[in-house]
Every structure is written in C-alpha cells, then in structure tokens.
Amino acid sequence: MPSVEMLLQQDFGSIPELIHQHAQDRPQHLALAYGSRTLTYSELDALMDRVAVALQRDRVSVGDSIAIAATTSLEYAVTFLGAVRAGVAVAPLAPSSTPDSLAAMIVDCSAKLVFLDAGVAKALGSVEIAAPRIALDGSELAGNAWQSWLAEPGQKPKPADVAPEGAFNIIYSSGTTGTPKGIVQPYKMRWALVRRTGDVGYGPDCVTLVSTPLYSNTTLVSFFPALTLGGSV
C-alpha cells in the first residue's frame, strides 16, 4: 500500500487518493469542521465516495462539470471533493451574483447538475435553470435534497482516469468589467500546489482556518493543500 509520502513524490497524482490514504492511516483524525459540525477523514472519504457514485449514476462523467452556488457548508466541501474523485470539474459560483449572471455562468460551464441552497434558490426566483437542481441544505425550494440524492453508503465509484491537463475546477471572474469569464484550472496545477505547499508547514498537525468562501480561488489555494496533507480545516 502506498504511503502519503510516496504519493507526493509522483510528478502527477490524485488529491482524492491522498485523502483516501489519510482515511486509511488515521481514520479518526479531524478533517473538516464547520461550526459545531465535524467530519473525520474516514467520514469524509466515505461521503466523497457517495457523491462520486451518485454523479456516475446520473451520467456525469470524467470531463463533465457541475456548478455549486451556495454559502459554505460541509455539504459544499464534500460535494466539491466527491466530484473531483469522479473526475468531474467543479464551477464554484458566487451566490451573491445576480440571477441572470448565475444562470449565464451555469450555461457557460455546461453544468450537468447545479447544487444550491435556499438563499440562492430564492434569489433566482423565476429564472430558469435547465440543469437538475440539488439542495445542499435540503430545502424544497432549492431542489432534490442532497441527502436523498447521495448514493447508498458503502458503494464505491468507478476509477476516474483524468489527464493532467483536464479541468479540475472553473473559477469565474467577478464580471465587474463585463461578462464573468471562466478560468479553467487543470489537475496538474492543483497537484503542483499541493506538493509545493508541503514544504512550508502544512501537515498532519496543522489546523488551517478558512475564513473566505469556497468559491474564491484564494480559499482553494489553502483549502486543498491543508486537507490533502493531513491537517484539519
């Protein structure tokens, strides 16, 4: 069985595989905390599997994309990570965007599914979203409940064969000077970031406070290294 150290020596590797390895090595170590809610690495790994299986069940394949427009939550983080495990690109959208702008970004990134919460669903109002909607917070207003959408516990996703140049996530510009533009960030960029930041203090004993929203690229720069190198976020 490979170790985390062995995985990190690879020129290109899998962020979800690192999380899975931490779940094997230290299953009860804290991975994520949001308010009073927490997930251990074992719990996170299992939920990522359920998200990945659900995406594959819904025919969301490697190279496809989903959009997430919601406030930060554990469900948001798990959905993002589970999508990456399935090789699906994530477009995290600012929930403060105008309804028309949100709708345009969802179309632009060709999202197969859209994950919302009640606040965003209410703001969208009558604006049409063609892609199926999943409610991260279980709100009927936002769509089908996330907990019901998840695959059954214990199921394992099919391996996702992703290329280094494949789309990991799509970050949209603010649109203050025109139409928001999607910036595609590849797997190889995120992997290089994880490897590089391992040399500056991130590790199993590190606790990282993330105070900015998950749709911000600034957040993701610290979120993925902190989590995949075994610390708590």
Protein backbone atom coordinates (compact mmCIF):
# COMPACT_ATOMS: atom_id res chain seq x y z
CA MET A 1 0.00 0.00 0.00
CA PRO A 2 1.44 3.41 -0.94
CA SER A 3 2.11 5.99 1.74
CA VAL A 4 1.24 9.66 1.60
CA GLU A 5 4.93 10.42 1.21
CA MET A 6 5.22 8.06 -1.75
CA LEU A 7 2.16 9.58 -3.42
CA LEU A 8 3.55 13.08 -3.02
CA GLN A 9 6.75 12.10 -4.78
CA GLN A 10 4.84 11.49 -8.01
CA ASP A 11 5.05 14.15 -10.71
CA PHE A 12 1.30 13.85 -11.06
CA GLY A 13 -1.17 12.26 -8.69
CA SER A 14 -4.66 12.32 -7.25
CA ILE A 15 -5.86 14.64 -4.50
CA PRO A 16 -8.76 12.26 -3.63
CA GLU A 17 -6.25 9.41 -3.37
CA LEU A 18 -4.31 11.40 -0.77
CA ILE A 19 -7.49 11.93 1.26
CA HIS A 20 -8.27 8.22 0.99
CA GLN A 21 -4.77 7.38 2.24
CA HIS A 22 -5.22 9.65 5.26
CA ALA A 23 -8.54 7.89 5.93
CA GLN A 24 -6.69 4.57 5.95
CA ASP A 25 -3.80 5.77 8.09
CA ARG A 26 -5.69 7.94 10.63
CA PRO A 27 -9.42 7.42 10.15
CA GLN A 28 -10.49 9.31 13.28
CA HIS A 29 -8.33 12.37 12.69
CA LEU A 30 -10.35 15.57 12.22
CA ALA A 31 -10.58 16.60 8.57
CA LEU A 32 -13.24 19.32 8.39
CA ALA A 33 -15.01 21.46 10.96
CA TYR A 34 -17.77 23.97 10.32
CA GLY A 35 -19.43 25.49 13.36
CA SER A 36 -20.30 22.62 15.67
CA ARG A 37 -20.25 20.04 12.87
CA THR A 38 -17.20 17.94 12.06
CA LEU A 39 -16.05 15.18 9.73
CA THR A 40 -13.18 12.79 10.33
CA TYR A 41 -11.05 11.63 7.41
CA SER A 42 -12.90 8.31 7.42
CA GLU A 43 -16.28 10.05 7.29
CA LEU A 44 -15.12 12.47 4.61
CA ASP A 45 -13.70 9.69 2.45
CA ALA A 46 -16.95 7.70 2.67
CA LEU A 47 -19.09 10.72 1.75
CA MET A 48 -16.81 11.55 -1.18
CA ASP A 49 -17.44 8.03 -2.48
CA ARG A 50 -21.20 8.52 -2.18
CA VAL A 51 -21.03 11.79 -4.11
CA ALA A 52 -18.85 10.26 -6.83
CA VAL A 53 -21.14 7.25 -7.20
CA ALA A 54 -24.22 9.49 -7.37
CA LEU A 55 -22.61 11.58 -10.13
CA GLN A 56 -21.70 8.48 -12.10
CA ARG A 57 -25.22 7.12 -11.59
CA ASP A 58 -26.57 10.38 -13.06
CA ARG A 59 -24.25 10.01 -16.06
CA VAL A 60 -21.97 12.86 -15.08
CA SER A 61 -18.69 11.61 -16.50
CA VAL A 62 -15.00 12.46 -16.47
CA GLY A 63 -14.57 15.84 -18.13
CA ASP A 64 -18.15 16.94 -17.44
CA SER A 65 -18.86 19.75 -14.98
CA ILE A 66 -21.19 20.67 -12.13
CA ALA A 67 -21.90 24.07 -10.60
CA ILE A 68 -22.19 24.92 -6.91
CA ALA A 69 -23.86 28.17 -5.90
CA ALA A 70 -24.32 28.25 -2.14
CA THR A 71 -22.88 29.52 1.10
CA THR A 72 -20.09 27.48 2.69
CA SER A 73 -21.12 24.22 4.36
CA LEU A 74 -19.75 20.74 4.95
CA GLU A 75 -22.05 19.54 2.17
CA TYR A 76 -20.48 22.07 -0.19
CA ALA A 77 -16.95 20.87 0.60
CA VAL A 78 -17.89 17.19 0.34
CA THR A 79 -19.65 17.73 -3.00
CA PHE A 80 -16.61 19.55 -4.39
CA LEU A 81 -14.23 16.81 -3.28
CA GLY A 82 -16.54 13.98 -4.36
CA ALA A 83 -16.84 15.50 -7.81
CA VAL A 84 -13.05 15.63 -8.10
CA ARG A 85 -12.96 11.93 -7.15
CA ALA A 86 -15.28 11.25 -10.10
CA GLY A 87 -13.12 13.33 -12.45
CA VAL A 88 -15.84 15.97 -12.72
CA ALA A 89 -14.90 19.65 -12.92
CA VAL A 90 -16.47 21.98 -10.36
CA ALA A 91 -17.56 25.55 -11.06
CA PRO A 92 -18.00 27.21 -7.64
CA LEU A 93 -20.16 30.28 -8.26
CA ALA A 94 -20.55 33.33 -6.05
CA PRO A 95 -24.05 33.15 -4.51
CA SER A 96 -24.14 36.96 -4.47
CA SER A 97 -24.16 37.06 -8.28
CA THR A 98 -27.28 38.39 -9.97
CA PRO A 99 -29.81 35.73 -11.03
CA ASP A 100 -29.13 36.36 -14.72
CA SER A 101 -25.38 36.16 -14.16
CA LEU A 102 -25.71 32.87 -12.25
CA ALA A 103 -27.86 31.41 -14.99
CA ALA A 104 -25.37 32.53 -17.65
CA MET A 105 -22.39 31.00 -15.80
CA ILE A 106 -24.25 27.70 -15.34
CA VAL A 107 -24.87 27.58 -19.07
CA ASP A 108 -21.32 28.70 -19.90
CA CYS A 109 -19.68 25.91 -17.87
CA SER A 110 -22.13 23.31 -19.25
CA ALA A 111 -23.05 22.15 -15.75
CA LYS A 112 -24.82 18.80 -15.73
CA LEU A 113 -26.09 19.39 -12.18
CA VAL A 114 -26.45 22.51 -10.05
CA PHE A 115 -26.07 22.42 -6.26
CA LEU A 116 -27.89 25.24 -4.46
CA ASP A 117 -29.16 26.27 -1.06
CA ALA A 118 -32.40 28.01 -0.13
CA GLY A 119 -30.88 31.50 -0.24
CA VAL A 120 -29.64 31.16 -3.80
CA ALA A 121 -32.83 29.41 -4.94
CA LYS A 122 -34.90 32.27 -3.52
CA ALA A 123 -32.68 34.85 -5.22
CA LEU A 124 -33.00 33.06 -8.55
CA GLY A 125 -36.77 33.36 -8.36
CA SER A 126 -38.31 32.62 -11.73
CA VAL A 127 -35.01 32.50 -13.63
CA GLU A 128 -34.92 29.18 -15.46
CA ILE A 129 -32.10 26.70 -14.80
CA ALA A 130 -32.18 23.79 -17.24
CA ALA A 131 -29.84 21.50 -15.28
CA PRO A 132 -31.31 19.41 -12.42
CA ARG A 133 -31.01 21.13 -9.04
CA ILE A 134 -29.79 19.53 -5.80
CA ALA A 135 -30.48 21.23 -2.46
CA LEU A 136 -27.35 21.13 -0.30
CA ASP A 137 -29.37 22.27 2.71
CA GLY A 138 -32.37 20.04 1.96
CA SER A 139 -34.60 22.98 1.14
CA GLU A 140 -37.56 22.09 -1.11
CA LEU A 141 -37.15 25.49 -2.72
CA ALA A 142 -33.66 24.57 -3.97
CA GLY A 143 -34.39 21.15 -5.49
CA ASN A 144 -33.98 17.50 -4.59
CA ALA A 145 -32.48 17.04 -1.13
CA TRP A 146 -28.74 16.34 -1.12
CA GLN A 147 -29.04 13.56 1.47
CA SER A 148 -31.60 11.76 -0.68
CA TRP A 149 -29.52 12.32 -3.82
CA LEU A 150 -26.41 10.69 -2.36
CA ALA A 151 -25.64 7.09 -3.28
CA GLU A 152 -26.19 4.47 -0.60
CA PRO A 153 -23.39 4.05 1.97
CA GLY A 154 -20.67 1.58 1.12
CA GLN A 155 -20.80 1.93 -2.66
CA LYS A 156 -17.53 2.59 -4.47
CA PRO A 157 -17.17 4.77 -7.58
CA LYS A 158 -15.57 3.58 -10.77
CA PRO A 159 -11.97 4.82 -11.08
CA ALA A 160 -11.74 8.18 -12.82
CA ASP A 161 -8.90 8.34 -15.32
CA VAL A 162 -8.08 12.05 -15.50
CA ALA A 163 -5.39 13.72 -17.58
CA PRO A 164 -3.03 16.30 -16.05
CA GLU A 165 -4.47 18.91 -18.41
CA GLY A 166 -8.07 18.01 -17.54
CA ALA A 167 -10.31 20.57 -15.82
CA PHE A 168 -10.18 20.36 -12.03
CA ASN A 169 -12.29 23.46 -11.40
CA ILE A 170 -13.58 26.54 -13.19
CA ILE A 171 -13.22 29.89 -11.41
CA TYR A 172 -15.29 32.79 -12.73
CA SER A 173 -14.13 36.39 -12.75
CA SER A 174 -16.25 38.92 -10.88
CA GLY A 175 -17.74 40.38 -14.04
CA THR A 176 -17.21 43.97 -12.85
CA THR A 177 -15.84 44.93 -16.26
CA GLY A 178 -18.16 42.79 -18.35
CA THR A 179 -19.46 39.24 -18.59
CA PRO A 180 -17.87 36.87 -16.00
CA LYS A 181 -15.25 34.68 -17.64
CA GLY A 182 -14.49 31.11 -16.66
CA ILE A 183 -10.86 30.32 -15.86
CA VAL A 184 -10.18 26.59 -16.19
CA GLN A 185 -7.64 25.28 -13.69
CA PRO A 186 -6.18 21.86 -14.53
CA TYR A 187 -5.42 18.91 -12.28
CA LYS A 188 -1.68 19.35 -12.77
CA MET A 189 -1.85 22.89 -11.35
CA ARG A 190 -3.66 21.78 -8.18
CA TRP A 191 -1.29 18.82 -7.76
CA ALA A 192 1.76 21.05 -8.09
CA LEU A 193 0.29 23.39 -5.47
CA VAL A 194 -0.22 20.53 -3.01
CA ARG A 195 3.35 19.28 -3.49
CA ARG A 196 4.83 22.77 -3.17
CA THR A 197 2.99 23.77 -0.02
CA GLY A 198 4.03 20.57 1.71
CA ASP A 199 7.40 22.25 2.19
CA VAL A 200 6.06 25.29 4.06
CA GLY A 201 4.44 23.80 7.14
CA TYR A 202 1.22 22.07 6.11
CA GLY A 203 0.95 18.60 7.60
CA PRO A 204 -0.97 16.28 9.95
CA ASP A 205 -0.58 18.58 12.96
CA CYS A 206 -1.64 21.69 11.07
CA VAL A 207 -5.00 23.39 11.70
CA THR A 208 -6.00 25.82 8.95
CA LEU A 209 -8.67 28.48 9.45
CA VAL A 210 -10.50 29.23 6.21
CA SER A 211 -12.40 32.49 6.59
CA THR A 212 -13.19 33.18 2.94
CA PRO A 213 -15.89 31.43 0.84
CA LEU A 214 -15.24 28.25 -1.10
CA TYR A 215 -15.96 29.89 -4.44
CA SER A 216 -12.86 32.06 -4.02
CA ASN A 217 -9.64 30.87 -5.63
CA THR A 218 -7.79 32.41 -2.67
CA THR A 219 -9.60 29.94 -0.41
CA LEU A 220 -8.85 26.94 -2.61
CA VAL A 221 -5.14 27.77 -2.59
CA SER A 222 -5.04 26.90 1.12
CA PHE A 223 -8.00 24.51 1.38
CA PHE A 224 -6.69 21.68 -0.81
CA PRO A 225 -3.09 21.60 0.49
CA ALA A 226 -4.19 21.78 4.13
CA LEU A 227 -6.66 18.93 3.72
CA THR A 228 -4.71 16.65 1.43
CA LEU A 229 -1.56 16.90 3.55
CA GLY A 230 -3.44 15.53 6.53
CA GLY A 231 -4.32 18.57 8.58
CA SER A 232 -7.66 19.88 9.83
CA VAL A 233 -9.59 22.64 8.09
